[in-house]
Amino acid sequence: MVGSVSAQLSSTFYDTTCPNVSSIVRGVVEQALRSDDRASAKLIRLHFHDCFVDGCDGSVLLEDQDGIVSELGANGNAGITGFNIVNDIKAAIENVCPGVVSCADILALASRHSVNLAGGPGWEVQLGRRDGRTANLDGAMELPSPFDDLSVLRRKFRDVQLDDTTDLVALSGAHTFGRSRCRFFDRRLNTSNPDTTLNSTYADELRQNCQPGRDTFVNLDPTTPDTFDSNYFTNLQSNRGLLESDQVLFSTSGAPTISIVNSFASSQSQFFTAFAQSMINMGNLGPLTGSTGEIRTNCRRLN
């Protein structure tokens, strides 16, 4: 399936119809980062949550409207943000190339630039996706969760035809930047029944950080929170993975993911190469091409 899809998408898709699209996206992401250090993580999360539900078709961006029950009501999309940045990117592109570039492609390009601007790798983004005219709330209920154990995470990756070891570990590495609300990990901090896979000193720090309330934001990576690097994996080795779904990659006894975590921890270049390939793999999931779907004028609403 990925082979045939790859043939439909192309890195040169907009070369004649909107040749500056990549630089336009990068410029808006750079501008967003000046006032919001979470902008990069917000954009890549939108791309992940789009592609994991019926492929990369921009469905995560749709709000409730006639004929659409938004995916934003799913637990996995709780608190998801970044729509204002997508709107700004779309407006900038429409100014130059009206009716040409899909919202699904905007998410793919924005993710690439978000990672690269934070010190991470670049990759050749495959383009040519069109925007879907449906949303799938039930499908969004199956998004990977911060509370999932390794067996559930692996199944969810297999269900969307991603590799359940290398793609899983590489894409989880996106948690090397961004923030999480305390509500998504604070059950690990229970003093009467502590999570033994969580470093006790780190647990004390997190209890302190979460004092203001469950909606307090905490850095996903306590070492270099706004840099895209391999510290996510060295954190796992020292039991400093913030979410259960992070730490299980390393702390599940006998898991095939452990050796991949160790490889990425010891070689940032190996992580960067794998991450770039996994982003391409994910971006190839079930895109609409040709005359299917539409090119939305407003990413939040159907034309």
C-alpha atoms as a PDB file:
ATOM      1  CA  MET A   1       0.000   0.000   0.000  1.00  0.00           C
ATOM      2  CA  VAL A   2       2.728   2.471   0.938  1.00  0.00           C
ATOM      3  CA  GLY A   3       4.498   1.822  -2.360  1.00  0.00           C
ATOM      4  CA  SER A   4       1.471   2.719  -4.453  1.00  0.00           C
ATOM      5  CA  VAL A   5       0.693   5.753  -2.316  1.00  0.00           C
ATOM      6  CA  SER A   6       4.275   6.981  -2.555  1.00  0.00           C
ATOM      7  CA  ALA A   7       3.947   6.911  -6.328  1.00  0.00           C
ATOM      8  CA  GLN A   8       0.914   9.224  -6.097  1.00  0.00           C
ATOM      9  CA  LEU A   9       2.609  11.770  -3.816  1.00  0.00           C
ATOM     10  CA  SER A  10       5.605  13.768  -4.995  1.00  0.00           C
ATOM     11  CA  SER A  11       8.080  16.195  -3.456  1.00  0.00           C
ATOM     12  CA  THR A  12       7.702  18.336  -6.601  1.00  0.00           C
ATOM     13  CA  PHE A  13       3.890  18.410  -6.615  1.00  0.00           C
ATOM     14  CA  TYR A  14       3.607  22.214  -6.202  1.00  0.00           C
ATOM     15  CA  ASP A  15       6.692  23.179  -8.222  1.00  0.00           C
ATOM     16  CA  THR A  16       4.641  24.885 -10.927  1.00  0.00           C
ATOM     17  CA  THR A  17       1.405  25.733  -9.068  1.00  0.00           C
ATOM     18  CA  CYS A  18       2.874  27.106  -5.813  1.00  0.00           C
ATOM     19  CA  PRO A  19       6.685  26.949  -5.973  1.00  0.00           C
ATOM     20  CA  ASN A  20       7.298  28.917  -2.754  1.00  0.00           C
ATOM     21  CA  VAL A  21       4.920  26.904  -0.563  1.00  0.00           C
ATOM     22  CA  SER A  22       7.634  25.381   1.628  1.00  0.00           C
ATOM     23  CA  SER A  23       9.313  28.709   2.388  1.00  0.00           C
ATOM     24  CA  ILE A  24       5.931  30.332   3.111  1.00  0.00           C
ATOM     25  CA  VAL A  25       5.129  27.610   5.659  1.00  0.00           C
ATOM     26  CA  ARG A  26       8.564  27.905   7.239  1.00  0.00           C
ATOM     27  CA  GLY A  27       8.225  31.671   7.570  1.00  0.00           C
ATOM     28  CA  VAL A  28       4.903  31.436   9.416  1.00  0.00           C
ATOM     29  CA  VAL A  29       6.220  28.689  11.733  1.00  0.00           C
ATOM     30  CA  GLU A  30       9.258  30.854  12.527  1.00  0.00           C
ATOM     31  CA  GLN A  31       6.971  33.768  13.318  1.00  0.00           C
ATOM     32  CA  ALA A  32       4.775  31.608  15.563  1.00  0.00           C
ATOM     33  CA  LEU A  33       7.794  30.381  17.508  1.00  0.00           C
ATOM     34  CA  ARG A  34       8.729  33.966  18.440  1.00  0.00           C
ATOM     35  CA  SER A  35       5.681  34.214  20.692  1.00  0.00           C
ATOM     36  CA  ASP A  36       4.906  30.542  21.416  1.00  0.00           C
ATOM     37  CA  ASP A  37       7.684  28.087  22.263  1.00  0.00           C
ATOM     38  CA  ARG A  38       5.139  25.253  22.014  1.00  0.00           C
ATOM     39  CA  ALA A  39       4.246  26.045  18.390  1.00  0.00           C
ATOM     40  CA  SER A  40       6.419  23.287  16.897  1.00  0.00           C
ATOM     41  CA  ALA A  41       5.039  20.572  19.175  1.00  0.00           C
ATOM     42  CA  LYS A  42       1.459  21.737  18.533  1.00  0.00           C
ATOM     43  CA  LEU A  43       1.885  21.449  14.762  1.00  0.00           C
ATOM     44  CA  ILE A  44       3.496  18.022  14.749  1.00  0.00           C
ATOM     45  CA  ARG A  45       0.811  16.727  17.127  1.00  0.00           C
ATOM     46  CA  LEU A  46      -1.869  17.883  14.683  1.00  0.00           C
ATOM     47  CA  HIS A  47      -0.116  16.013  11.850  1.00  0.00           C
ATOM     48  CA  PHE A  48       0.167  12.807  13.935  1.00  0.00           C
ATOM     49  CA  HIS A  49      -3.467  12.946  14.996  1.00  0.00           C
ATOM     50  CA  ASP A  50      -4.552  13.631  11.430  1.00  0.00           C
ATOM     51  CA  CYS A  51      -2.667  10.714   9.882  1.00  0.00           C
ATOM     52  CA  PHE A  52      -3.658   8.181  12.565  1.00  0.00           C
ATOM     53  CA  VAL A  53      -7.365   8.591  11.730  1.00  0.00           C
ATOM     54  CA  ASP A  54      -8.218   7.431   8.195  1.00  0.00           C
ATOM     55  CA  GLY A  55      -4.924   8.723   6.811  1.00  0.00           C
ATOM     56  CA  CYS A  56      -3.507  12.219   6.284  1.00  0.00           C
ATOM     57  CA  ASP A  57      -6.584  14.065   5.028  1.00  0.00           C
ATOM     58  CA  GLY A  58      -6.835  17.117   7.306  1.00  0.00           C
ATOM     59  CA  SER A  59      -9.789  15.612   9.192  1.00  0.00           C
ATOM     60  CA  VAL A  60      -8.420  16.552  12.642  1.00  0.00           C
ATOM     61  CA  LEU A  61      -8.808  20.227  11.722  1.00  0.00           C
ATOM     62  CA  LEU A  62     -12.574  20.084  11.113  1.00  0.00           C
ATOM     63  CA  GLU A  63     -14.936  21.562  13.698  1.00  0.00           C
ATOM     64  CA  ASP A  64     -18.545  20.475  14.202  1.00  0.00           C
ATOM     65  CA  GLN A  65     -20.700  21.592  11.260  1.00  0.00           C
ATOM     66  CA  ASP A  66     -23.509  20.291   9.042  1.00  0.00           C
ATOM     67  CA  GLY A  67     -22.678  16.671   8.227  1.00  0.00           C
ATOM     68  CA  ILE A  68     -19.503  16.654  10.367  1.00  0.00           C
ATOM     69  CA  VAL A  69     -19.067  15.398  13.916  1.00  0.00           C
ATOM     70  CA  SER A  70     -15.600  16.699  14.783  1.00  0.00           C
ATOM     71  CA  GLU A  71     -12.782  14.381  15.877  1.00  0.00           C
ATOM     72  CA  LEU A  72     -11.909  16.952  18.534  1.00  0.00           C
ATOM     73  CA  GLY A  73     -14.386  15.355  20.941  1.00  0.00           C
ATOM     74  CA  ALA A  74     -12.131  12.285  21.281  1.00  0.00           C
ATOM     75  CA  ASN A  75     -10.124  11.863  24.492  1.00  0.00           C
ATOM     76  CA  GLY A  76      -6.889  11.706  22.503  1.00  0.00           C
ATOM     77  CA  ASN A  77      -7.567  15.169  21.104  1.00  0.00           C
ATOM     78  CA  ALA A  78      -8.231  16.741  24.508  1.00  0.00           C
ATOM     79  CA  GLY A  79      -6.494  20.085  24.694  1.00  0.00           C
ATOM     80  CA  ILE A  80      -5.084  19.865  21.165  1.00  0.00           C
ATOM     81  CA  THR A  81      -4.200  23.331  19.869  1.00  0.00           C
ATOM     82  CA  GLY A  82      -2.275  25.063  17.086  1.00  0.00           C
ATOM     83  CA  PHE A  83      -5.270  25.775  14.834  1.00  0.00           C
ATOM     84  CA  ASN A  84      -4.453  29.494  14.867  1.00  0.00           C
ATOM     85  CA  ILE A  85      -1.013  28.746  13.389  1.00  0.00           C
ATOM     86  CA  VAL A  86      -2.537  26.531  10.686  1.00  0.00           C
ATOM     87  CA  ASN A  87      -5.008  29.314   9.890  1.00  0.00           C
ATOM     88  CA  ASP A  88      -2.125  31.784   9.553  1.00  0.00           C
ATOM     89  CA  ILE A  89      -0.217  29.418   7.246  1.00  0.00           C
ATOM     90  CA  LYS A  90      -3.314  28.830   5.130  1.00  0.00           C
ATOM     91  CA  ALA A  91      -3.984  32.572   4.837  1.00  0.00           C
ATOM     92  CA  ALA A  92      -0.389  33.262   3.771  1.00  0.00           C
ATOM     93  CA  ILE A  93      -0.540  30.550   1.107  1.00  0.00           C
ATOM     94  CA  GLU A  94      -4.005  31.544  -0.168  1.00  0.00           C
ATOM     95  CA  ASN A  95      -2.632  35.044  -0.638  1.00  0.00           C
ATOM     96  CA  VAL A  96      -0.100  33.734  -3.165  1.00  0.00           C
ATOM     97  CA  CYS A  97      -1.612  30.497  -4.528  1.00  0.00           C
ATOM     98  CA  PRO A  98      -5.381  30.497  -3.909  1.00  0.00           C
ATOM     99  CA  GLY A  99      -7.170  27.157  -3.981  1.00  0.00           C
ATOM    100  CA  VAL A 100      -4.032  25.096  -4.599  1.00  0.00           C
ATOM    101  CA  VAL A 101      -2.470  23.764  -1.378  1.00  0.00           C
ATOM    102  CA  SER A 102      -4.367  21.362   0.892  1.00  0.00           C
ATOM    103  CA  CYS A 103      -4.578  21.667   4.664  1.00  0.00           C
ATOM    104  CA  ALA A 104      -3.299  18.080   4.922  1.00  0.00           C
ATOM    105  CA  ASP A 105      -0.141  19.097   3.042  1.00  0.00           C
ATOM    106  CA  ILE A 106       0.207  22.181   5.242  1.00  0.00           C
ATOM    107  CA  LEU A 107       0.383  19.910   8.303  1.00  0.00           C
ATOM    108  CA  ALA A 108       3.030  17.730   6.646  1.00  0.00           C
ATOM    109  CA  LEU A 109       5.183  20.730   5.696  1.00  0.00           C
ATOM    110  CA  ALA A 110       4.693  22.480   9.039  1.00  0.00           C
ATOM    111  CA  SER A 111       5.813  19.356  10.900  1.00  0.00           C
ATOM    112  CA  ARG A 112       9.003  19.123   8.876  1.00  0.00           C
ATOM    113  CA  HIS A 113       9.880  22.769   9.501  1.00  0.00           C
ATOM    114  CA  SER A 114       8.898  22.532  13.184  1.00  0.00           C
ATOM    115  CA  VAL A 115      11.383  19.707  13.721  1.00  0.00           C
ATOM    116  CA  ASN A 116      14.122  21.304  11.634  1.00  0.00           C
ATOM    117  CA  LEU A 117      13.826  24.736  13.300  1.00  0.00           C
ATOM    118  CA  ALA A 118      14.237  23.034  16.701  1.00  0.00           C
ATOM    119  CA  GLY A 119      17.539  21.468  15.649  1.00  0.00           C
ATOM    120  CA  GLY A 120      16.171  18.229  14.239  1.00  0.00           C
ATOM    121  CA  PRO A 121      16.505  16.635  10.808  1.00  0.00           C
ATOM    122  CA  GLY A 122      14.925  17.691   7.559  1.00  0.00           C
ATOM    123  CA  TRP A 123      13.409  15.336   5.001  1.00  0.00           C
ATOM    124  CA  GLU A 124      11.858  15.514   1.555  1.00  0.00           C
ATOM    125  CA  VAL A 125       8.153  15.970   2.226  1.00  0.00           C
ATOM    126  CA  GLN A 126       5.914  14.077  -0.177  1.00  0.00           C
ATOM    127  CA  LEU A 127       3.018  16.281  -1.314  1.00  0.00           C
ATOM    128  CA  GLY A 128      -0.219  16.074  -3.264  1.00  0.00           C
ATOM    129  CA  ARG A 129      -2.697  15.139  -0.519  1.00  0.00           C
ATOM    130  CA  ARG A 130      -6.212  16.495  -0.772  1.00  0.00           C
ATOM    131  CA  ASP A 131      -8.508  17.329   2.134  1.00  0.00           C
ATOM    132  CA  GLY A 132     -11.206  14.900   3.200  1.00  0.00           C
ATOM    133  CA  ARG A 133     -14.871  15.796   3.414  1.00  0.00           C
ATOM    134  CA  THR A 134     -15.516  13.559   6.429  1.00  0.00           C
ATOM    135  CA  ALA A 135     -14.356  13.196  10.024  1.00  0.00           C
ATOM    136  CA  ASN A 136     -14.256  10.021  12.124  1.00  0.00           C
ATOM    137  CA  LEU A 137     -14.862  10.560  15.837  1.00  0.00           C
ATOM    138  CA  ASP A 138     -14.954   6.799  16.536  1.00  0.00           C
ATOM    139  CA  GLY A 139     -11.605   6.394  14.788  1.00  0.00           C
ATOM    140  CA  ALA A 140     -10.127   9.226  16.833  1.00  0.00           C
ATOM    141  CA  MET A 141     -11.090   7.346  19.993  1.00  0.00           C
ATOM    142  CA  GLU A 142      -8.344   4.855  19.016  1.00  0.00           C
ATOM    143  CA  LEU A 143      -5.522   7.400  18.964  1.00  0.00           C
ATOM    144  CA  PRO A 144      -2.435   6.351  20.959  1.00  0.00           C
ATOM    145  CA  SER A 145      -2.880   7.405  24.586  1.00  0.00           C
ATOM    146  CA  PRO A 146      -0.373   8.501  27.261  1.00  0.00           C
ATOM    147  CA  PHE A 147      -1.882   5.740  29.427  1.00  0.00           C
ATOM    148  CA  ASP A 148      -1.343   2.894  26.916  1.00  0.00           C
ATOM    149  CA  ASP A 149       0.954   0.000  27.721  1.00  0.00           C
ATOM    150  CA  LEU A 150       3.378  -1.259  25.083  1.00  0.00           C
ATOM    151  CA  SER A 151       1.148  -4.019  23.707  1.00  0.00           C
ATOM    152  CA  VAL A 152      -1.676  -1.534  23.064  1.00  0.00           C
ATOM    153  CA  LEU A 153       0.683   0.993  21.473  1.00  0.00           C
ATOM    154  CA  ARG A 154       2.114  -1.663  19.179  1.00  0.00           C
ATOM    155  CA  ARG A 155      -1.370  -2.780  18.127  1.00  0.00           C
ATOM    156  CA  LYS A 156      -2.432   0.793  17.349  1.00  0.00           C
ATOM    157  CA  PHE A 157       0.624   1.285  15.137  1.00  0.00           C
ATOM    158  CA  ARG A 158      -0.024  -2.009  13.334  1.00  0.00           C
ATOM    159  CA  ASP A 159      -3.665  -1.020  12.852  1.00  0.00           C
ATOM    160  CA  VAL A 160      -2.606   1.972  10.752  1.00  0.00           C
ATOM    161  CA  GLN A 161       0.065  -0.063   8.914  1.00  0.00           C
ATOM    162  CA  LEU A 162       3.056   1.526  10.654  1.00  0.00           C
ATOM    163  CA  ASP A 163       5.901  -0.597  12.001  1.00  0.00           C
ATOM    164  CA  ASP A 164       5.214  -1.472  15.646  1.00  0.00           C
ATOM    165  CA  THR A 165       8.843  -1.193  16.776  1.00  0.00           C
ATOM    166  CA  THR A 166      11.023   1.202  14.741  1.00  0.00           C
ATOM    167  CA  ASP A 167       8.238   3.598  13.659  1.00  0.00           C
ATOM    168  CA  LEU A 168       6.772   3.468  17.163  1.00  0.00           C
ATOM    169  CA  VAL A 169      10.045   4.321  18.923  1.00  0.00           C
ATOM    170  CA  ALA A 170      11.178   6.879  16.335  1.00  0.00           C
ATOM    171  CA  LEU A 171       7.893   8.789  16.248  1.00  0.00           C
ATOM    172  CA  SER A 172       7.615   8.702  20.049  1.00  0.00           C
ATOM    173  CA  GLY A 173      10.897  10.612  19.950  1.00  0.00           C
ATOM    174  CA  ALA A 174       8.884  13.695  18.958  1.00  0.00           C
ATOM    175  CA  HIS A 175       8.348  13.994  22.715  1.00  0.00           C
ATOM    176  CA  THR A 176      11.857  15.391  22.851  1.00  0.00           C
ATOM    177  CA  PHE A 177      10.162  18.805  22.727  1.00  0.00           C
ATOM    178  CA  GLY A 178       6.826  20.227  23.837  1.00  0.00           C
ATOM    179  CA  ARG A 179       4.809  20.077  27.053  1.00  0.00           C
ATOM    180  CA  SER A 180       2.228  17.858  28.722  1.00  0.00           C
ATOM    181  CA  ARG A 181      -0.466  18.685  31.241  1.00  0.00           C
ATOM    182  CA  CYS A 182      -0.058  17.044  34.640  1.00  0.00           C
ATOM    183  CA  ARG A 183      -3.375  15.225  34.209  1.00  0.00           C
ATOM    184  CA  PHE A 184      -1.750  12.977  31.610  1.00  0.00           C
ATOM    185  CA  PHE A 185       0.872  11.568  33.976  1.00  0.00           C
ATOM    186  CA  ASP A 186       0.016  12.505  37.575  1.00  0.00           C
ATOM    187  CA  ARG A 187      -1.337   9.061  38.434  1.00  0.00           C
ATOM    188  CA  ARG A 188       2.288   7.933  38.283  1.00  0.00           C
ATOM    189  CA  LEU A 189       3.017  10.255  41.224  1.00  0.00           C
ATOM    190  CA  ASN A 190       0.778   8.488  43.751  1.00  0.00           C
ATOM    191  CA  THR A 191       2.971   8.268  46.889  1.00  0.00           C
ATOM    192  CA  SER A 192       1.107   5.268  48.311  1.00  0.00           C
ATOM    193  CA  ASN A 193       1.485   3.295  45.076  1.00  0.00           C
ATOM    194  CA  PRO A 194       4.327   4.923  43.118  1.00  0.00           C
ATOM    195  CA  ASP A 195       5.234   3.955  39.574  1.00  0.00           C
ATOM    196  CA  THR A 196       8.456   1.996  40.030  1.00  0.00           C
ATOM    197  CA  THR A 197       9.562   2.806  36.466  1.00  0.00           C
ATOM    198  CA  LEU A 198       9.709   6.518  37.358  1.00  0.00           C
ATOM    199  CA  ASN A 199      12.941   7.898  38.842  1.00  0.00           C
ATOM    200  CA  SER A 200      12.085   8.857  42.444  1.00  0.00           C
ATOM    201  CA  THR A 201      13.964  12.179  42.364  1.00  0.00           C
ATOM    202  CA  TYR A 202      12.253  13.089  39.104  1.00  0.00           C
ATOM    203  CA  ALA A 203       8.901  12.068  40.621  1.00  0.00           C
ATOM    204  CA  ASP A 204       9.496  14.506  43.509  1.00  0.00           C
ATOM    205  CA  GLU A 205      10.266  17.288  41.014  1.00  0.00           C
ATOM    206  CA  LEU A 206       7.079  16.519  39.105  1.00  0.00           C
ATOM    207  CA  ARG A 207       4.946  16.574  42.264  1.00  0.00           C
ATOM    208  CA  GLN A 208       6.340  20.032  42.969  1.00  0.00           C
ATOM    209  CA  ASN A 209       5.768  21.204  39.389  1.00  0.00           C
ATOM    210  CA  CYS A 210       2.175  19.948  39.414  1.00  0.00           C
ATOM    211  CA  GLN A 211       1.264  21.700  42.670  1.00  0.00           C
ATOM    212  CA  PRO A 212      -0.706  24.475  40.916  1.00  0.00           C
ATOM    213  CA  GLY A 213      -3.134  21.912  39.442  1.00  0.00           C
ATOM    214  CA  ARG A 214      -3.702  19.111  36.955  1.00  0.00           C
ATOM    215  CA  ASP A 215      -3.740  21.453  33.964  1.00  0.00           C
ATOM    216  CA  THR A 216      -0.238  22.755  34.696  1.00  0.00           C
ATOM    217  CA  PHE A 217       2.178  22.243  31.791  1.00  0.00           C
ATOM    218  CA  VAL A 218       5.444  20.350  32.352  1.00  0.00           C
ATOM    219  CA  ASN A 219       8.291  19.855  29.868  1.00  0.00           C
ATOM    220  CA  LEU A 220       8.191  16.466  28.143  1.00  0.00           C
ATOM    221  CA  ASP A 221      11.994  16.516  28.115  1.00  0.00           C
ATOM    222  CA  PRO A 222      13.398  17.895  31.398  1.00  0.00           C
ATOM    223  CA  THR A 223      16.883  18.332  29.924  1.00  0.00           C
ATOM    224  CA  THR A 224      16.503  20.251  26.620  1.00  0.00           C
ATOM    225  CA  PRO A 225      12.756  21.029  26.457  1.00  0.00           C
ATOM    226  CA  ASP A 226      12.695  23.073  23.251  1.00  0.00           C
ATOM    227  CA  THR A 227      15.421  21.279  21.277  1.00  0.00           C
ATOM    228  CA  PHE A 228      14.845  18.331  18.963  1.00  0.00           C
ATOM    229  CA  ASP A 229      17.570  15.873  19.992  1.00  0.00           C
ATOM    230  CA  SER A 230      18.128  12.326  21.268  1.00  0.00           C
ATOM    231  CA  ASN A 231      17.820  13.255  24.966  1.00  0.00           C
ATOM    232  CA  TYR A 232      14.333  11.752  24.978  1.00  0.00           C
ATOM    233  CA  PHE A 233      15.985   8.328  24.768  1.00  0.00           C
ATOM    234  CA  THR A 234      18.689   8.951  27.380  1.00  0.00           C
ATOM    235  CA  ASN A 235      15.867  10.153  29.638  1.00  0.00           C
ATOM    236  CA  LEU A 236      14.108   6.802  29.171  1.00  0.00           C
ATOM    237  CA  GLN A 237      17.333   5.001  30.120  1.00  0.00           C
ATOM    238  CA  SER A 238      17.371   6.885  33.430  1.00  0.00           C
ATOM    239  CA  ASN A 239      13.626   6.373  34.068  1.00  0.00           C
ATOM    240  CA  ARG A 240      12.801   9.982  33.268  1.00  0.00           C
ATOM    241  CA  GLY A 241      10.173   9.382  30.596  1.00  0.00           C
ATOM    242  CA  LEU A 242       7.317  11.724  31.517  1.00  0.00           C
ATOM    243  CA  LEU A 243       4.380   9.716  30.160  1.00  0.00           C
ATOM    244  CA  GLU A 244       3.676   6.042  30.789  1.00  0.00           C
ATOM    245  CA  SER A 245       3.533   5.589  27.004  1.00  0.00           C
ATOM    246  CA  ASP A 246       7.094   6.938  26.806  1.00  0.00           C
ATOM    247  CA  GLN A 247       8.679   4.887  29.587  1.00  0.00           C
ATOM    248  CA  VAL A 248       7.088   1.574  28.525  1.00  0.00           C
ATOM    249  CA  LEU A 249       9.284   1.623  25.402  1.00  0.00           C
ATOM    250  CA  PHE A 250      12.290   0.981  27.652  1.00  0.00           C
ATOM    251  CA  SER A 251      10.879  -0.486  30.869  1.00  0.00           C
ATOM    252  CA  THR A 252       8.724  -3.310  29.478  1.00  0.00           C
ATOM    253  CA  SER A 253      10.656  -6.476  30.223  1.00  0.00           C
ATOM    254  CA  GLY A 254      11.966  -8.251  27.127  1.00  0.00           C
ATOM    255  CA  ALA A 255      10.440  -5.710  24.722  1.00  0.00           C
ATOM    256  CA  PRO A 256      11.909  -5.421  21.205  1.00  0.00           C
ATOM    257  CA  THR A 257      11.761  -1.636  21.583  1.00  0.00           C
ATOM    258  CA  ILE A 258      14.505  -1.578  24.254  1.00  0.00           C
ATOM    259  CA  SER A 259      17.367  -2.146  21.822  1.00  0.00           C
ATOM    260  CA  ILE A 260      16.003   0.615  19.532  1.00  0.00           C
ATOM    261  CA  VAL A 261      15.855   3.062  22.447  1.00  0.00           C
ATOM    262  CA  ASN A 262      19.468   2.159  23.272  1.00  0.00           C
ATOM    263  CA  SER A 263      20.540   2.659  19.650  1.00  0.00           C
ATOM    264  CA  PHE A 264      18.911   6.069  19.395  1.00  0.00           C
ATOM    265  CA  ALA A 265      20.298   7.103  22.792  1.00  0.00           C
ATOM    266  CA  SER A 266      23.823   6.300  21.670  1.00  0.00           C
ATOM    267  CA  SER A 267      23.542   7.789  18.169  1.00  0.00           C
ATOM    268  CA  GLN A 268      21.549  10.949  17.522  1.00  0.00           C
ATOM    269  CA  SER A 269      22.238  10.655  13.782  1.00  0.00           C
ATOM    270  CA  GLN A 270      20.671   7.190  13.785  1.00  0.00           C
ATOM    271  CA  PHE A 271      17.588   8.601  15.518  1.00  0.00           C
ATOM    272  CA  PHE A 272      17.375  11.505  13.060  1.00  0.00           C
ATOM    273  CA  THR A 273      17.602   9.168  10.049  1.00  0.00           C
ATOM    274  CA  ALA A 274      14.936   6.832  11.455  1.00  0.00           C
ATOM    275  CA  PHE A 275      12.660   9.704  12.500  1.00  0.00           C
ATOM    276  CA  ALA A 276      12.779  11.277   9.039  1.00  0.00           C
ATOM    277  CA  GLN A 277      11.895   7.948   7.400  1.00  0.00           C
ATOM    278  CA  SER A 278       9.093   7.272   9.902  1.00  0.00           C
ATOM    279  CA  MET A 279       7.621  10.724   9.242  1.00  0.00           C
ATOM    280  CA  ILE A 280       7.572   9.919   5.529  1.00  0.00           C
ATOM    281  CA  ASN A 281       5.982   6.534   6.291  1.00  0.00           C
ATOM    282  CA  MET A 282       3.305   8.190   8.423  1.00  0.00           C
ATOM    283  CA  GLY A 283       2.727  10.930   5.859  1.00  0.00           C
ATOM    284  CA  ASN A 284       2.031   8.239   3.239  1.00  0.00           C
ATOM    285  CA  LEU A 285      -0.916   6.810   5.179  1.00  0.00           C
ATOM    286  CA  GLY A 286      -4.085   6.830   3.083  1.00  0.00           C
ATOM    287  CA  PRO A 287      -3.897  10.229   1.397  1.00  0.00           C
ATOM    288  CA  LEU A 288      -6.651  11.399  -0.912  1.00  0.00           C
ATOM    289  CA  THR A 289      -5.232  12.256  -4.337  1.00  0.00           C
ATOM    290  CA  GLY A 290      -6.376  13.131  -7.833  1.00  0.00           C
ATOM    291  CA  SER A 291      -9.985  14.307  -7.840  1.00  0.00           C
ATOM    292  CA  THR A 292     -11.025  12.862  -4.463  1.00  0.00           C
ATOM    293  CA  GLY A 293     -11.693  15.202  -1.541  1.00  0.00           C
ATOM    294  CA  GLU A 294     -11.151  18.929  -1.973  1.00  0.00           C
ATOM    295  CA  ILE A 295      -8.727  21.783  -1.339  1.00  0.00           C
ATOM    296  CA  ARG A 296     -10.302  23.542   1.643  1.00  0.00           C
ATOM    297  CA  THR A 297     -10.332  27.332   1.621  1.00  0.00           C
ATOM    298  CA  ASN A 298     -10.778  27.317   5.416  1.00  0.00           C
ATOM    299  CA  CYS A 299      -9.030  24.388   7.098  1.00  0.00           C
ATOM    300  CA  ARG A 300     -11.680  24.225   9.839  1.00  0.00           C
ATOM    301  CA  ARG A 301     -14.674  23.920   7.505  1.00  0.00           C
ATOM    302  CA  LEU A 302     -15.727  22.125   4.324  1.00  0.00           C
ATOM    303  CA  ASN A 303     -15.969  24.265   1.208  1.00  0.00           C
END
